[in-house]
Amino acid sequence: MAGFSVGQVAAFAGVTVRTLHHYDEIGLLSPSERTAAGYRRYAEPDLDRLQQVLFYRELGFPLEEITAILDDPGADAATHLRRQRELLRRRIARLESLAEAVETALEAARMGVSLTPEERYEVFGEFRPEDHAEEAESRWGGTSAWAESRRRTSSYGKADWQRITSEAGELVEAWRALFEQGVPAGSAEAMAVAEGHRRHISRWFYECTHEIHGCLGEMYVADERFARNYEQVAEGLAVYVRDSITANARAAGGPV
């Protein structure tokens, strides 16, 4: 008999046999065939449906709603694909927003933030800058940049941090757009974004020379927490950002 056993499907789908049994019991995914001994056998259409189930589960849909979606007689494959595309776009937009907030929060962890708990949550969400304060001070404490950042940010309120977050998000979006368009990191356009990023840091935190900026660019790749912020936006973006910063520093004649 053709088809796949429940064990085989569980293995390559990354779910448990118990999960597949449950899907069968509630009518969400029933195998097309059974052996003479009563064992489940899954055909290709069953695997296609399982793929749809797992997609909607990944996006947090309850099983009852997934069943209704997949059993809708007016929804064909193209309808599902369009719906999935829209859901993914929303998820990507949410992740980009979170990435921008995390990057700003990491900067804030280095500088010190003076906000009420309510304001912190509004600006940074569940991220807690103070959790990273000790490490930040061990890295940068005692430097003139650290002292300057502490002095400046001690007076910042919610509106200041919201503006910082917005500006940082616009820079990340500009980098992402160039990266996805295939514009080289050493291009004038990418270097212009890098220069905007350097000036953003100088305006809000400390005087960011091209040399310091180059070091930050290296950190954005070497430190997985910083790299993750960019990689969540677009895979490979961290290196692209680093390379555009390096190219901008070289063009300005600064050490890198």
C-alpha atoms as a PDB file:
ATOM      1  CA  MET A   1       0.000   0.000   0.000  1.00  0.00           C
ATOM      2  CA  ALA A   2       1.338   3.425  -0.926  1.00  0.00           C
ATOM      3  CA  GLY A   3       1.446   6.395   1.395  1.00  0.00           C
ATOM      4  CA  PHE A   4       3.223   7.161   4.623  1.00  0.00           C
ATOM      5  CA  SER A   5       2.828   5.752   8.110  1.00  0.00           C
ATOM      6  CA  VAL A   6       1.957   7.973  11.048  1.00  0.00           C
ATOM      7  CA  GLY A   7       5.506   7.568  12.343  1.00  0.00           C
ATOM      8  CA  GLN A   8       7.021   8.686   9.053  1.00  0.00           C
ATOM      9  CA  VAL A   9       4.753  11.734   8.827  1.00  0.00           C
ATOM     10  CA  ALA A  10       5.463  12.680  12.432  1.00  0.00           C
ATOM     11  CA  ALA A  11       9.207  12.469  11.811  1.00  0.00           C
ATOM     12  CA  PHE A  12       9.455  14.667   8.747  1.00  0.00           C
ATOM     13  CA  ALA A  13       6.745  17.118   9.881  1.00  0.00           C
ATOM     14  CA  GLY A  14       8.347  17.660  13.273  1.00  0.00           C
ATOM     15  CA  VAL A  15       5.265  16.719  15.297  1.00  0.00           C
ATOM     16  CA  THR A  16       4.484  13.831  17.590  1.00  0.00           C
ATOM     17  CA  VAL A  17       2.506  10.725  16.724  1.00  0.00           C
ATOM     18  CA  ARG A  18       0.140  11.687  19.521  1.00  0.00           C
ATOM     19  CA  THR A  19      -0.510  15.030  17.821  1.00  0.00           C
ATOM     20  CA  LEU A  20      -1.413  13.318  14.548  1.00  0.00           C
ATOM     21  CA  HIS A  21      -3.714  10.936  16.395  1.00  0.00           C
ATOM     22  CA  HIS A  22      -5.415  13.932  18.015  1.00  0.00           C
ATOM     23  CA  TYR A  23      -5.831  15.698  14.673  1.00  0.00           C
ATOM     24  CA  ASP A  24      -7.491  12.558  13.352  1.00  0.00           C
ATOM     25  CA  GLU A  25      -9.787  12.250  16.365  1.00  0.00           C
ATOM     26  CA  ILE A  26     -11.109  15.809  16.032  1.00  0.00           C
ATOM     27  CA  GLY A  27     -11.477  15.588  12.247  1.00  0.00           C
ATOM     28  CA  LEU A  28      -8.776  18.133  11.473  1.00  0.00           C
ATOM     29  CA  LEU A  29      -6.531  15.730   9.583  1.00  0.00           C
ATOM     30  CA  SER A  30      -7.706  12.204   8.910  1.00  0.00           C
ATOM     31  CA  PRO A  31      -5.532   9.896   6.816  1.00  0.00           C
ATOM     32  CA  SER A  32      -6.959   8.892   3.477  1.00  0.00           C
ATOM     33  CA  GLU A  33      -6.222   5.209   3.922  1.00  0.00           C
ATOM     34  CA  ARG A  34      -5.782   2.503   6.497  1.00  0.00           C
ATOM     35  CA  THR A  35      -4.081  -0.831   6.256  1.00  0.00           C
ATOM     36  CA  ALA A  36      -5.914  -4.088   6.709  1.00  0.00           C
ATOM     37  CA  ALA A  37      -4.717  -4.036  10.301  1.00  0.00           C
ATOM     38  CA  GLY A  38      -6.200  -0.569  10.811  1.00  0.00           C
ATOM     39  CA  TYR A  39      -2.971   1.446  10.725  1.00  0.00           C
ATOM     40  CA  ARG A  40      -3.124   4.995   9.364  1.00  0.00           C
ATOM     41  CA  ARG A  41      -1.596   5.727   5.930  1.00  0.00           C
ATOM     42  CA  TYR A  42      -1.214   9.317   4.757  1.00  0.00           C
ATOM     43  CA  ALA A  43      -1.391  10.262   1.069  1.00  0.00           C
ATOM     44  CA  GLU A  44       0.024  13.381  -0.621  1.00  0.00           C
ATOM     45  CA  PRO A  45      -3.202  15.417  -0.181  1.00  0.00           C
ATOM     46  CA  ASP A  46      -3.071  14.610   3.533  1.00  0.00           C
ATOM     47  CA  LEU A  47       0.467  15.989   3.713  1.00  0.00           C
ATOM     48  CA  ASP A  48      -0.628  19.150   1.922  1.00  0.00           C
ATOM     49  CA  ARG A  49      -3.387  19.637   4.486  1.00  0.00           C
ATOM     50  CA  LEU A  50      -0.951  18.988   7.326  1.00  0.00           C
ATOM     51  CA  GLN A  51       1.321  21.688   5.943  1.00  0.00           C
ATOM     52  CA  GLN A  52      -1.599  24.114   6.041  1.00  0.00           C
ATOM     53  CA  VAL A  53      -2.477  23.057   9.587  1.00  0.00           C
ATOM     54  CA  LEU A  54       1.078  23.599  10.803  1.00  0.00           C
ATOM     55  CA  PHE A  55       1.264  27.000   9.120  1.00  0.00           C
ATOM     56  CA  TYR A  56      -1.866  28.270  10.836  1.00  0.00           C
ATOM     57  CA  ARG A  57      -0.757  26.737  14.137  1.00  0.00           C
ATOM     58  CA  GLU A  58       2.547  28.615  13.863  1.00  0.00           C
ATOM     59  CA  LEU A  59       0.543  31.836  13.601  1.00  0.00           C
ATOM     60  CA  GLY A  60      -1.415  30.966  16.734  1.00  0.00           C
ATOM     61  CA  PHE A  61      -4.752  29.884  15.271  1.00  0.00           C
ATOM     62  CA  PRO A  62      -6.808  27.497  17.470  1.00  0.00           C
ATOM     63  CA  LEU A  63      -7.513  24.060  16.047  1.00  0.00           C
ATOM     64  CA  GLU A  64     -11.243  24.669  15.746  1.00  0.00           C
ATOM     65  CA  GLU A  65     -10.651  27.781  13.625  1.00  0.00           C
ATOM     66  CA  ILE A  66      -8.112  25.975  11.448  1.00  0.00           C
ATOM     67  CA  THR A  67     -10.669  23.250  10.770  1.00  0.00           C
ATOM     68  CA  ALA A  68     -13.235  25.844   9.693  1.00  0.00           C
ATOM     69  CA  ILE A  69     -10.707  27.618   7.459  1.00  0.00           C
ATOM     70  CA  LEU A  70      -9.532  24.463   5.720  1.00  0.00           C
ATOM     71  CA  ASP A  71     -13.018  23.055   5.304  1.00  0.00           C
ATOM     72  CA  ASP A  72     -14.421  26.238   3.780  1.00  0.00           C
ATOM     73  CA  PRO A  73     -15.788  25.093   0.403  1.00  0.00           C
ATOM     74  CA  GLY A  74     -15.202  28.542  -1.079  1.00  0.00           C
ATOM     75  CA  ALA A  75     -11.480  28.579  -0.293  1.00  0.00           C
ATOM     76  CA  ASP A  76      -9.144  27.020  -2.836  1.00  0.00           C
ATOM     77  CA  ALA A  77      -5.359  26.750  -2.721  1.00  0.00           C
ATOM     78  CA  ALA A  78      -4.883  30.255  -4.105  1.00  0.00           C
ATOM     79  CA  THR A  79      -7.173  31.685  -1.427  1.00  0.00           C
ATOM     80  CA  HIS A  80      -5.137  30.036   1.298  1.00  0.00           C
ATOM     81  CA  LEU A  81      -1.902  31.310  -0.200  1.00  0.00           C
ATOM     82  CA  ARG A  82      -3.192  34.869  -0.371  1.00  0.00           C
ATOM     83  CA  ARG A  83      -4.402  34.665   3.226  1.00  0.00           C
ATOM     84  CA  GLN A  84      -1.068  33.250   4.344  1.00  0.00           C
ATOM     85  CA  ARG A  85       0.843  35.956   2.505  1.00  0.00           C
ATOM     86  CA  GLU A  86      -1.145  38.658   4.290  1.00  0.00           C
ATOM     87  CA  LEU A  87      -0.695  36.977   7.674  1.00  0.00           C
ATOM     88  CA  LEU A  88       3.036  36.671   7.095  1.00  0.00           C
ATOM     89  CA  ARG A  89       3.284  40.319   6.104  1.00  0.00           C
ATOM     90  CA  ARG A  90       1.608  41.285   9.354  1.00  0.00           C
ATOM     91  CA  ARG A  91       3.945  39.024  11.321  1.00  0.00           C
ATOM     92  CA  ILE A  92       6.995  40.483   9.538  1.00  0.00           C
ATOM     93  CA  ALA A  93       5.836  44.033  10.261  1.00  0.00           C
ATOM     94  CA  ARG A  94       5.399  43.109  13.914  1.00  0.00           C
ATOM     95  CA  LEU A  95       8.862  41.529  14.074  1.00  0.00           C
ATOM     96  CA  GLU A  96      10.427  44.570  12.416  1.00  0.00           C
ATOM     97  CA  SER A  97       8.774  46.780  15.002  1.00  0.00           C
ATOM     98  CA  LEU A  98      10.049  44.566  17.809  1.00  0.00           C
ATOM     99  CA  ALA A  99      13.555  44.532  16.327  1.00  0.00           C
ATOM    100  CA  GLU A 100      13.612  48.326  16.214  1.00  0.00           C
ATOM    101  CA  ALA A 101      12.443  48.540  19.821  1.00  0.00           C
ATOM    102  CA  VAL A 102      15.030  46.005  20.976  1.00  0.00           C
ATOM    103  CA  GLU A 103      17.871  47.866  19.269  1.00  0.00           C
ATOM    104  CA  THR A 104      16.849  51.118  20.908  1.00  0.00           C
ATOM    105  CA  ALA A 105      16.488  49.320  24.233  1.00  0.00           C
ATOM    106  CA  LEU A 106      19.983  47.859  23.923  1.00  0.00           C
ATOM    107  CA  GLU A 107      21.350  51.330  23.289  1.00  0.00           C
ATOM    108  CA  ALA A 108      19.392  52.519  26.303  1.00  0.00           C
ATOM    109  CA  ALA A 109      20.844  49.729  28.446  1.00  0.00           C
ATOM    110  CA  ARG A 110      24.297  51.146  27.753  1.00  0.00           C
ATOM    111  CA  MET A 111      23.298  54.712  28.519  1.00  0.00           C
ATOM    112  CA  GLY A 112      20.845  54.486  31.395  1.00  0.00           C
ATOM    113  CA  VAL A 113      17.171  55.358  31.008  1.00  0.00           C
ATOM    114  CA  SER A 114      15.056  57.626  33.183  1.00  0.00           C
ATOM    115  CA  LEU A 115      11.442  56.625  32.592  1.00  0.00           C
ATOM    116  CA  THR A 116       8.540  55.541  34.743  1.00  0.00           C
ATOM    117  CA  PRO A 117       7.623  51.832  34.592  1.00  0.00           C
ATOM    118  CA  GLU A 118       4.580  52.708  32.480  1.00  0.00           C
ATOM    119  CA  GLU A 119       6.644  54.779  30.066  1.00  0.00           C
ATOM    120  CA  ARG A 120       9.297  52.064  29.810  1.00  0.00           C
ATOM    121  CA  TYR A 121       6.677  49.519  28.858  1.00  0.00           C
ATOM    122  CA  GLU A 122       5.149  51.861  26.288  1.00  0.00           C
ATOM    123  CA  VAL A 123       8.524  52.561  24.656  1.00  0.00           C
ATOM    124  CA  PHE A 124      10.366  49.254  25.133  1.00  0.00           C
ATOM    125  CA  GLY A 125       7.628  46.675  25.692  1.00  0.00           C
ATOM    126  CA  GLU A 126       8.731  43.806  27.921  1.00  0.00           C
ATOM    127  CA  PHE A 127      12.435  44.442  27.378  1.00  0.00           C
ATOM    128  CA  ARG A 128      14.177  45.576  30.591  1.00  0.00           C
ATOM    129  CA  PRO A 129      17.228  47.785  29.921  1.00  0.00           C
ATOM    130  CA  GLU A 130      18.391  47.476  33.526  1.00  0.00           C
ATOM    131  CA  ASP A 131      18.918  43.747  33.023  1.00  0.00           C
ATOM    132  CA  HIS A 132      21.837  44.623  30.736  1.00  0.00           C
ATOM    133  CA  ALA A 133      23.216  47.561  32.702  1.00  0.00           C
ATOM    134  CA  GLU A 134      25.993  45.656  34.498  1.00  0.00           C
ATOM    135  CA  GLU A 135      27.363  44.155  31.281  1.00  0.00           C
ATOM    136  CA  ALA A 136      27.045  47.485  29.501  1.00  0.00           C
ATOM    137  CA  GLU A 137      29.045  49.261  32.170  1.00  0.00           C
ATOM    138  CA  SER A 138      31.728  46.562  32.116  1.00  0.00           C
ATOM    139  CA  ARG A 139      32.114  47.139  28.361  1.00  0.00           C
ATOM    140  CA  TRP A 140      31.961  50.911  28.189  1.00  0.00           C
ATOM    141  CA  GLY A 141      32.128  52.235  31.747  1.00  0.00           C
ATOM    142  CA  GLY A 142      34.883  54.773  32.259  1.00  0.00           C
ATOM    143  CA  THR A 143      34.993  55.917  28.633  1.00  0.00           C
ATOM    144  CA  SER A 144      34.172  59.461  27.621  1.00  0.00           C
ATOM    145  CA  ALA A 145      31.381  58.147  25.380  1.00  0.00           C
ATOM    146  CA  TRP A 146      29.826  56.331  28.336  1.00  0.00           C
ATOM    147  CA  ALA A 147      29.966  59.448  30.507  1.00  0.00           C
ATOM    148  CA  GLU A 148      28.511  61.631  27.755  1.00  0.00           C
ATOM    149  CA  SER A 149      25.708  59.162  27.063  1.00  0.00           C
ATOM    150  CA  ARG A 150      24.805  58.944  30.728  1.00  0.00           C
ATOM    151  CA  ARG A 151      24.717  62.729  30.978  1.00  0.00           C
ATOM    152  CA  ARG A 152      22.507  63.191  27.921  1.00  0.00           C
ATOM    153  CA  THR A 153      20.063  60.361  28.415  1.00  0.00           C
ATOM    154  CA  SER A 154      19.491  61.100  32.085  1.00  0.00           C
ATOM    155  CA  SER A 155      17.252  63.977  30.984  1.00  0.00           C
ATOM    156  CA  TYR A 156      15.352  62.142  28.235  1.00  0.00           C
ATOM    157  CA  GLY A 157      11.651  61.561  28.664  1.00  0.00           C
ATOM    158  CA  LYS A 158       9.170  59.326  26.880  1.00  0.00           C
ATOM    159  CA  ALA A 159       8.813  61.636  23.876  1.00  0.00           C
ATOM    160  CA  ASP A 160      12.590  61.657  23.400  1.00  0.00           C
ATOM    161  CA  TRP A 161      12.830  57.876  23.447  1.00  0.00           C
ATOM    162  CA  GLN A 162       9.876  57.545  21.106  1.00  0.00           C
ATOM    163  CA  ARG A 163      11.588  59.869  18.652  1.00  0.00           C
ATOM    164  CA  ILE A 164      14.841  57.923  18.989  1.00  0.00           C
ATOM    165  CA  THR A 165      12.984  54.675  18.339  1.00  0.00           C
ATOM    166  CA  SER A 166      11.242  56.148  15.298  1.00  0.00           C
ATOM    167  CA  GLU A 167      14.468  57.489  13.794  1.00  0.00           C
ATOM    168  CA  ALA A 168      16.276  54.206  14.401  1.00  0.00           C
ATOM    169  CA  GLY A 169      13.418  52.291  12.773  1.00  0.00           C
ATOM    170  CA  GLU A 170      13.553  54.508   9.689  1.00  0.00           C
ATOM    171  CA  LEU A 171      17.277  53.846   9.323  1.00  0.00           C
ATOM    172  CA  VAL A 172      16.796  50.078   9.627  1.00  0.00           C
ATOM    173  CA  GLU A 173      14.000  50.198   7.071  1.00  0.00           C
ATOM    174  CA  ALA A 174      16.190  52.199   4.675  1.00  0.00           C
ATOM    175  CA  TRP A 175      18.980  49.636   5.000  1.00  0.00           C
ATOM    176  CA  ARG A 176      16.532  46.774   4.521  1.00  0.00           C
ATOM    177  CA  ALA A 177      15.076  48.299   1.366  1.00  0.00           C
ATOM    178  CA  LEU A 178      18.502  48.804  -0.215  1.00  0.00           C
ATOM    179  CA  PHE A 179      19.633  45.320   0.825  1.00  0.00           C
ATOM    180  CA  GLU A 180      16.576  43.630  -0.662  1.00  0.00           C
ATOM    181  CA  GLN A 181      16.941  45.657  -3.865  1.00  0.00           C
ATOM    182  CA  GLY A 182      20.492  44.330  -4.247  1.00  0.00           C
ATOM    183  CA  VAL A 183      22.113  47.760  -3.856  1.00  0.00           C
ATOM    184  CA  PRO A 184      25.783  47.199  -2.852  1.00  0.00           C
ATOM    185  CA  ALA A 185      26.773  48.013   0.732  1.00  0.00           C
ATOM    186  CA  GLY A 186      29.496  50.260  -0.626  1.00  0.00           C
ATOM    187  CA  SER A 187      27.107  52.299  -2.760  1.00  0.00           C
ATOM    188  CA  ALA A 188      26.474  55.979  -2.165  1.00  0.00           C
ATOM    189  CA  GLU A 189      22.912  55.179  -1.081  1.00  0.00           C
ATOM    190  CA  ALA A 190      23.941  52.624   1.549  1.00  0.00           C
ATOM    191  CA  MET A 191      26.741  54.820   2.838  1.00  0.00           C
ATOM    192  CA  ALA A 192      24.274  57.693   3.166  1.00  0.00           C
ATOM    193  CA  VAL A 193      22.157  55.535   5.490  1.00  0.00           C
ATOM    194  CA  ALA A 194      25.277  54.573   7.443  1.00  0.00           C
ATOM    195  CA  GLU A 195      26.195  58.236   7.807  1.00  0.00           C
ATOM    196  CA  GLY A 196      22.648  58.980   8.961  1.00  0.00           C
ATOM    197  CA  HIS A 197      23.030  56.244  11.569  1.00  0.00           C
ATOM    198  CA  ARG A 198      26.341  57.691  12.785  1.00  0.00           C
ATOM    199  CA  ARG A 199      24.816  61.144  13.095  1.00  0.00           C
ATOM    200  CA  HIS A 200      21.795  59.678  14.879  1.00  0.00           C
ATOM    201  CA  ILE A 201      24.094  58.262  17.566  1.00  0.00           C
ATOM    202  CA  SER A 202      26.033  61.535  17.781  1.00  0.00           C
ATOM    203  CA  ARG A 203      22.840  63.542  18.086  1.00  0.00           C
ATOM    204  CA  TRP A 204      21.268  61.460  20.817  1.00  0.00           C
ATOM    205  CA  PHE A 205      24.022  59.644  22.709  1.00  0.00           C
ATOM    206  CA  TYR A 206      27.677  60.628  22.217  1.00  0.00           C
ATOM    207  CA  GLU A 207      30.042  61.941  19.581  1.00  0.00           C
ATOM    208  CA  CYS A 208      30.293  58.920  17.298  1.00  0.00           C
ATOM    209  CA  THR A 209      33.443  59.204  15.222  1.00  0.00           C
ATOM    210  CA  HIS A 210      33.902  57.094  12.102  1.00  0.00           C
ATOM    211  CA  GLU A 211      36.321  54.923  14.075  1.00  0.00           C
ATOM    212  CA  ILE A 212      33.786  54.317  16.851  1.00  0.00           C
ATOM    213  CA  HIS A 213      31.086  53.742  14.253  1.00  0.00           C
ATOM    214  CA  GLY A 214      33.239  51.104  12.565  1.00  0.00           C
ATOM    215  CA  CYS A 215      33.612  49.313  15.901  1.00  0.00           C
ATOM    216  CA  LEU A 216      29.862  49.395  16.384  1.00  0.00           C
ATOM    217  CA  GLY A 217      29.407  47.911  12.916  1.00  0.00           C
ATOM    218  CA  GLU A 218      31.680  45.009  13.836  1.00  0.00           C
ATOM    219  CA  MET A 219      29.728  44.501  17.065  1.00  0.00           C
ATOM    220  CA  TYR A 220      26.448  44.362  15.149  1.00  0.00           C
ATOM    221  CA  VAL A 221      27.792  41.204  13.484  1.00  0.00           C
ATOM    222  CA  ALA A 222      29.933  39.684  16.252  1.00  0.00           C
ATOM    223  CA  ASP A 223      27.421  40.087  19.092  1.00  0.00           C
ATOM    224  CA  GLU A 224      24.550  37.727  18.362  1.00  0.00           C
ATOM    225  CA  ARG A 225      22.052  39.891  20.245  1.00  0.00           C
ATOM    226  CA  PHE A 226      22.726  42.872  17.999  1.00  0.00           C
ATOM    227  CA  ALA A 227      22.993  40.665  14.916  1.00  0.00           C
ATOM    228  CA  ARG A 228      19.632  39.095  15.715  1.00  0.00           C
ATOM    229  CA  ASN A 229      17.961  42.513  15.591  1.00  0.00           C
ATOM    230  CA  TYR A 230      18.967  42.913  11.956  1.00  0.00           C
ATOM    231  CA  GLU A 231      18.639  39.260  10.953  1.00  0.00           C
ATOM    232  CA  GLN A 232      15.008  39.249  12.125  1.00  0.00           C
ATOM    233  CA  VAL A 233      14.364  42.021   9.630  1.00  0.00           C
ATOM    234  CA  ALA A 234      16.199  40.342   6.738  1.00  0.00           C
ATOM    235  CA  GLU A 235      18.646  37.450   6.726  1.00  0.00           C
ATOM    236  CA  GLY A 236      22.110  38.804   5.960  1.00  0.00           C
ATOM    237  CA  LEU A 237      21.212  42.387   6.918  1.00  0.00           C
ATOM    238  CA  ALA A 238      23.663  42.559   9.855  1.00  0.00           C
ATOM    239  CA  VAL A 239      26.667  42.037   7.574  1.00  0.00           C
ATOM    240  CA  TYR A 240      25.221  44.491   5.051  1.00  0.00           C
ATOM    241  CA  VAL A 241      24.895  47.139   7.769  1.00  0.00           C
ATOM    242  CA  ARG A 242      28.444  46.478   8.978  1.00  0.00           C
ATOM    243  CA  ASP A 243      29.829  46.692   5.447  1.00  0.00           C
ATOM    244  CA  SER A 244      28.031  49.949   4.673  1.00  0.00           C
ATOM    245  CA  ILE A 245      29.348  51.477   7.909  1.00  0.00           C
ATOM    246  CA  THR A 246      32.873  50.333   7.031  1.00  0.00           C
ATOM    247  CA  ALA A 247      32.590  51.713   3.505  1.00  0.00           C
ATOM    248  CA  ASN A 248      31.327  55.048   4.845  1.00  0.00           C
ATOM    249  CA  ALA A 249      34.199  55.308   7.306  1.00  0.00           C
ATOM    250  CA  ARG A 250      36.743  54.585   4.589  1.00  0.00           C
ATOM    251  CA  ALA A 251      35.186  57.133   2.253  1.00  0.00           C
ATOM    252  CA  ALA A 252      35.489  59.735   5.005  1.00  0.00           C
ATOM    253  CA  GLY A 253      39.152  58.874   5.481  1.00  0.00           C
ATOM    254  CA  GLY A 254      38.640  57.593   8.979  1.00  0.00           C
ATOM    255  CA  PRO A 255      40.316  54.471  10.471  1.00  0.00           C
ATOM    256  CA  VAL A 256      38.281  51.294  10.375  1.00  0.00           C
END
